[in-house]
Amino acid sequence: MPRYLEFDGINVEKAIEKACKDLNLKKEELCHEIISYGSSGIFGLVGTKKAKIKVTVQDIEKERSNSYNNIPEEKISGSHDSDEKSENRFIDTGHEILKKILNNITDGASTSVRIQGKEICFDIDCSNPAVIIGKKGQTLDAIQYIIEKTLNKNKGEKYNINVDVSGYLDKRHSKLRSLAEKIAQKAKTNGKPMSLGQMNANDRRIIHLALKNDGDVKTHSVGEGFIKKIVIYPRRKKQA
């Protein structure tokens, strides 16, 4: 009769890594079934369940020998497919969290996703975007914060998560870039540091990027926690 061992992890990939380490096997040598993909619970905050796999350990040495003889080389080195599946599950989890939140805020909202490198943007289309945006964008910021923290907490490689509705973020980022240039000019003219007030991480990132190539100023985030101030400092000019 075959013998089985069960391994768990924060996701399937971690469960597989744990099994390989404990059994001293390579991934391509591991004969396993996925029992559960796990669950992020309610917004990833409570009710989290680990992923679980079942590994067949009968005649491991025979399986190891056969793996090199029978598996095509391109399948043995198929980590790209595994990485792609992991990213898809990552995005799907974000979609599910967003849908749960929207179902409690409004009716008839639809979502889509855009990916550019390490930027993932969840776009919302609905008949009443003001409800989702909230006062000064605070509701949208809160939704984005929950999704970002939930997705990135167990991900080795971090992603920049944006949640947009009816093009609101594009308009907001355009205003932030204009504001950054305006305040930077004041800092250069007065020769004194200028503060832009408290902002979330993504808004601060827009300010930093907007002034990144301005050699006459430098930017710093000041404070603790999610909301921080940005201060723009004029650079001291080198004396000839």
Protein backbone atom coordinates (compact mmCIF):
# COMPACT_ATOMS: atom_id res chain seq x y z
CA MET A 1 0.00 0.00 0.00
CA PRO A 2 1.28 3.49 -0.81
CA ARG A 3 2.23 5.67 2.12
CA TYR A 4 1.32 9.35 2.28
CA LEU A 5 2.54 12.38 4.19
CA GLU A 6 0.79 15.72 4.44
CA PHE A 7 2.53 19.10 4.35
CA ASP A 8 1.11 22.59 4.72
CA GLY A 9 2.21 26.16 4.09
CA ILE A 10 0.93 29.70 3.57
CA ASN A 11 0.39 28.68 -0.08
CA VAL A 12 0.87 25.57 -2.24
CA GLU A 13 4.36 26.59 -3.32
CA LYS A 14 5.50 26.89 0.30
CA ALA A 15 3.96 23.51 1.15
CA ILE A 16 5.86 21.93 -1.77
CA GLU A 17 9.10 23.60 -0.69
CA LYS A 18 8.63 22.25 2.84
CA ALA A 19 8.00 18.72 1.54
CA CYS A 20 11.07 18.82 -0.71
CA LYS A 21 13.26 20.02 2.14
CA ASP A 22 12.00 17.43 4.66
CA LEU A 23 12.21 14.55 2.16
CA ASN A 24 15.41 15.75 0.48
CA LEU A 25 13.77 15.74 -2.94
CA LYS A 26 13.69 18.07 -5.91
CA LYS A 27 10.34 19.52 -7.01
CA GLU A 28 10.26 17.35 -10.14
CA GLU A 29 10.73 14.24 -7.98
CA LEU A 30 7.80 15.02 -5.72
CA CYS A 31 4.65 12.98 -6.33
CA HIS A 32 1.89 14.98 -4.68
CA GLU A 33 -1.78 15.98 -4.73
CA ILE A 34 -3.18 19.35 -3.68
CA ILE A 35 -5.67 18.91 -0.85
CA SER A 36 -6.36 22.61 -0.35
CA TYR A 37 -5.12 25.87 -1.87
CA GLY A 38 -5.74 27.58 1.45
CA SER A 39 -7.80 30.65 2.17
CA SER A 40 -7.04 34.24 3.07
CA GLY A 41 -10.11 34.33 5.30
CA ILE A 42 -12.02 37.59 5.65
CA PHE A 43 -9.85 40.13 3.83
CA GLY A 44 -6.84 38.09 4.97
CA LEU A 45 -7.30 39.22 8.56
CA VAL A 46 -9.21 36.39 10.24
CA GLY A 47 -10.05 32.80 9.36
CA THR A 48 -6.87 32.25 7.36
CA LYS A 49 -6.32 28.61 6.35
CA LYS A 50 -3.06 27.09 5.15
CA ALA A 51 -2.63 25.30 1.85
CA LYS A 52 -2.14 21.52 2.16
CA ILE A 53 -0.65 18.82 -0.10
CA LYS A 54 -0.48 15.02 0.13
CA VAL A 55 2.85 13.44 -0.89
CA THR A 56 3.30 9.81 -1.96
CA VAL A 57 6.51 8.53 -0.32
CA GLN A 58 6.48 4.90 -1.54
CA ASP A 59 9.63 3.90 -3.39
CA ILE A 60 11.13 7.39 -3.46
CA GLU A 61 14.47 6.26 -4.89
CA LYS A 62 12.71 4.58 -7.81
CA GLU A 63 10.71 7.72 -8.51
CA ARG A 64 13.90 9.78 -8.37
CA SER A 65 15.59 7.56 -10.92
CA ASN A 66 12.59 7.50 -13.25
CA SER A 67 12.15 11.26 -13.11
CA TYR A 68 15.43 11.87 -14.91
CA ASN A 69 14.89 9.10 -17.47
CA ASN A 70 11.27 9.72 -18.41
CA ILE A 71 10.48 13.43 -17.91
CA PRO A 72 11.41 15.70 -20.86
CA GLU A 73 14.02 18.30 -19.96
CA GLU A 74 11.70 21.22 -20.68
CA LYS A 75 9.16 19.87 -18.15
CA ILE A 76 11.80 19.29 -15.47
CA SER A 77 12.75 22.95 -15.69
CA GLY A 78 9.19 24.24 -15.83
CA SER A 79 9.44 26.72 -12.97
CA HIS A 80 8.13 29.49 -15.24
CA ASP A 81 4.73 27.81 -15.44
CA SER A 82 4.68 27.42 -11.67
CA ASP A 83 5.55 31.10 -11.18
CA GLU A 84 2.81 32.13 -13.61
CA LYS A 85 0.21 30.02 -11.79
CA SER A 86 1.32 31.51 -8.47
CA GLU A 87 0.93 35.04 -9.85
CA ASN A 88 -2.52 34.19 -11.23
CA ARG A 89 -3.64 32.94 -7.82
CA PHE A 90 -2.17 36.11 -6.29
CA ILE A 91 -4.27 38.29 -8.61
CA ASP A 92 -7.37 36.11 -8.19
CA THR A 93 -7.10 36.51 -4.42
CA GLY A 94 -7.00 40.29 -4.83
CA HIS A 95 -10.09 40.13 -7.04
CA GLU A 96 -11.99 38.07 -4.48
CA ILE A 97 -11.14 40.47 -1.65
CA LEU A 98 -12.22 43.44 -3.75
CA LYS A 99 -15.53 41.78 -4.70
CA LYS A 100 -16.32 40.99 -1.06
CA ILE A 101 -15.75 44.62 -0.09
CA LEU A 102 -17.75 46.02 -3.03
CA ASN A 103 -20.70 43.72 -2.34
CA ASN A 104 -21.05 45.42 1.04
CA ILE A 105 -20.78 48.95 -0.39
CA THR A 106 -22.69 49.06 -3.66
CA ASP A 107 -24.58 46.97 -6.22
CA GLY A 108 -23.72 46.18 -9.81
CA ALA A 109 -20.00 46.98 -9.66
CA SER A 110 -17.66 45.15 -12.06
CA THR A 111 -13.88 44.81 -11.86
CA SER A 112 -10.95 44.25 -14.20
CA VAL A 113 -7.17 44.14 -13.76
CA ARG A 114 -4.18 45.78 -15.45
CA ILE A 115 -0.61 44.57 -14.92
CA GLN A 116 2.55 46.50 -15.77
CA GLY A 117 5.70 44.96 -14.34
CA LYS A 118 5.29 45.12 -10.56
CA GLU A 119 2.24 47.39 -10.83
CA ILE A 120 -1.16 45.73 -10.42
CA CYS A 121 -4.23 47.94 -10.81
CA PHE A 122 -7.75 46.74 -10.06
CA ASP A 123 -10.22 48.90 -11.99
CA ILE A 124 -13.80 49.29 -10.74
CA ASP A 125 -16.72 50.24 -12.96
CA CYS A 126 -19.95 51.22 -11.21
CA SER A 127 -22.85 53.67 -11.46
CA ASN A 128 -22.02 55.45 -8.19
CA PRO A 129 -18.22 55.89 -7.92
CA ALA A 130 -18.53 58.58 -5.21
CA VAL A 131 -19.60 55.92 -2.70
CA ILE A 132 -16.42 53.95 -3.34
CA ILE A 133 -14.13 56.98 -3.48
CA GLY A 134 -15.40 58.51 -0.24
CA LYS A 135 -14.45 61.86 1.25
CA LYS A 136 -11.10 62.96 -0.23
CA GLY A 137 -10.57 59.39 -1.49
CA GLN A 138 -10.46 57.92 2.01
CA THR A 139 -12.76 54.95 1.27
CA LEU A 140 -10.80 54.03 -1.84
CA ASP A 141 -7.55 54.36 0.12
CA ALA A 142 -8.87 51.99 2.78
CA ILE A 143 -9.92 49.39 0.18
CA GLN A 144 -6.51 49.60 -1.48
CA TYR A 145 -4.71 49.33 1.86
CA ILE A 146 -6.58 46.13 2.84
CA ILE A 147 -5.87 44.46 -0.52
CA GLU A 148 -2.23 45.54 -0.61
CA LYS A 149 -1.47 44.37 2.93
CA THR A 150 -3.29 41.08 2.45
CA LEU A 151 -1.59 40.21 -0.84
CA ASN A 152 1.93 41.34 0.02
CA LYS A 153 2.11 39.93 3.56
CA ASN A 154 3.03 36.43 2.31
CA LYS A 155 4.67 37.39 -0.98
CA GLY A 156 8.46 37.49 -1.13
CA GLU A 157 8.42 39.88 -4.08
CA LYS A 158 6.27 42.93 -3.35
CA TYR A 159 3.84 44.47 -5.81
CA ASN A 160 2.49 48.02 -6.01
CA ILE A 161 -1.28 47.64 -5.72
CA ASN A 162 -3.64 50.32 -7.02
CA VAL A 163 -7.44 50.32 -6.88
CA ASP A 164 -9.12 52.79 -9.24
CA VAL A 165 -12.71 53.71 -10.04
CA SER A 166 -13.84 55.73 -13.08
CA GLY A 167 -10.32 57.07 -13.73
CA TYR A 168 -10.15 58.76 -10.32
CA LEU A 169 -6.52 57.72 -9.65
CA ASP A 170 -5.21 59.13 -12.94
CA LYS A 171 -6.73 62.53 -12.13
CA ARG A 172 -5.48 62.38 -8.55
CA HIS A 173 -1.94 61.42 -9.59
CA SER A 174 -1.87 64.21 -12.17
CA LYS A 175 -2.82 66.72 -9.45
CA LEU A 176 -0.17 65.30 -7.12
CA ARG A 177 2.56 65.68 -9.75
CA SER A 178 1.53 69.29 -10.33
CA LEU A 179 1.49 69.91 -6.59
CA ALA A 180 4.95 68.34 -6.21
CA GLU A 181 6.41 70.63 -8.87
CA LYS A 182 4.74 73.70 -7.35
CA ILE A 183 5.96 73.02 -3.80
CA ALA A 184 9.43 72.05 -5.05
CA GLN A 185 9.70 75.40 -6.80
CA LYS A 186 8.77 77.18 -3.54
CA ALA A 187 11.43 75.20 -1.68
CA LYS A 188 14.05 76.22 -4.23
CA THR A 189 12.96 79.86 -4.21
CA ASN A 190 12.81 80.19 -0.39
CA GLY A 191 15.76 77.92 0.29
CA LYS A 192 13.73 76.19 3.01
CA PRO A 193 12.12 72.74 3.40
CA MET A 194 8.44 72.58 2.42
CA SER A 195 5.90 70.01 3.65
CA LEU A 196 3.07 68.53 1.58
CA GLY A 197 1.18 67.17 4.60
CA GLN A 198 0.12 63.62 5.36
CA MET A 199 -0.28 61.09 2.55
CA ASN A 200 -0.65 57.36 2.06
CA ALA A 201 2.17 55.23 0.63
CA ASN A 202 1.02 55.33 -2.98
CA ASP A 203 0.51 59.09 -3.03
CA ARG A 204 3.96 59.57 -1.50
CA ARG A 205 5.40 57.34 -4.19
CA ILE A 206 3.91 59.61 -6.89
CA ILE A 207 5.56 62.65 -5.26
CA HIS A 208 8.94 60.90 -4.96
CA LEU A 209 8.84 59.82 -8.62
CA ALA A 210 7.70 63.25 -9.82
CA LEU A 211 10.79 64.91 -8.28
CA LYS A 212 13.23 62.04 -8.70
CA ASN A 213 15.11 63.71 -11.56
CA ASP A 214 15.05 67.23 -10.11
CA GLY A 215 18.64 67.75 -9.02
CA ASP A 216 17.78 70.86 -6.99
CA VAL A 217 15.56 69.12 -4.42
CA LYS A 218 15.29 65.87 -2.49
CA THR A 219 12.24 64.28 -0.86
CA HIS A 220 11.81 62.39 2.41
CA SER A 221 8.87 60.71 4.11
CA VAL A 222 8.55 61.69 7.77
CA GLY A 223 6.51 59.92 10.43
CA GLU A 224 5.34 56.46 11.49
CA GLY A 225 2.69 54.10 10.15
CA PHE A 226 0.73 54.11 6.89
CA ILE A 227 0.12 57.87 6.76
CA LYS A 228 3.25 60.05 6.67
CA LYS A 229 4.28 63.55 5.69
CA ILE A 230 6.49 64.32 2.71
CA VAL A 231 9.09 67.04 3.09
CA ILE A 232 10.83 68.57 0.07
CA TYR A 233 14.32 69.85 0.84
CA PRO A 234 16.26 72.25 -1.41
CA ARG A 235 19.73 70.93 -2.16
CA ARG A 236 22.66 73.11 -1.23
CA LYS A 237 24.42 74.36 -4.32
CA LYS A 238 28.09 73.53 -4.52
CA GLN A 239 30.31 76.56 -4.37
CA ALA A 240 32.62 77.06 -7.30
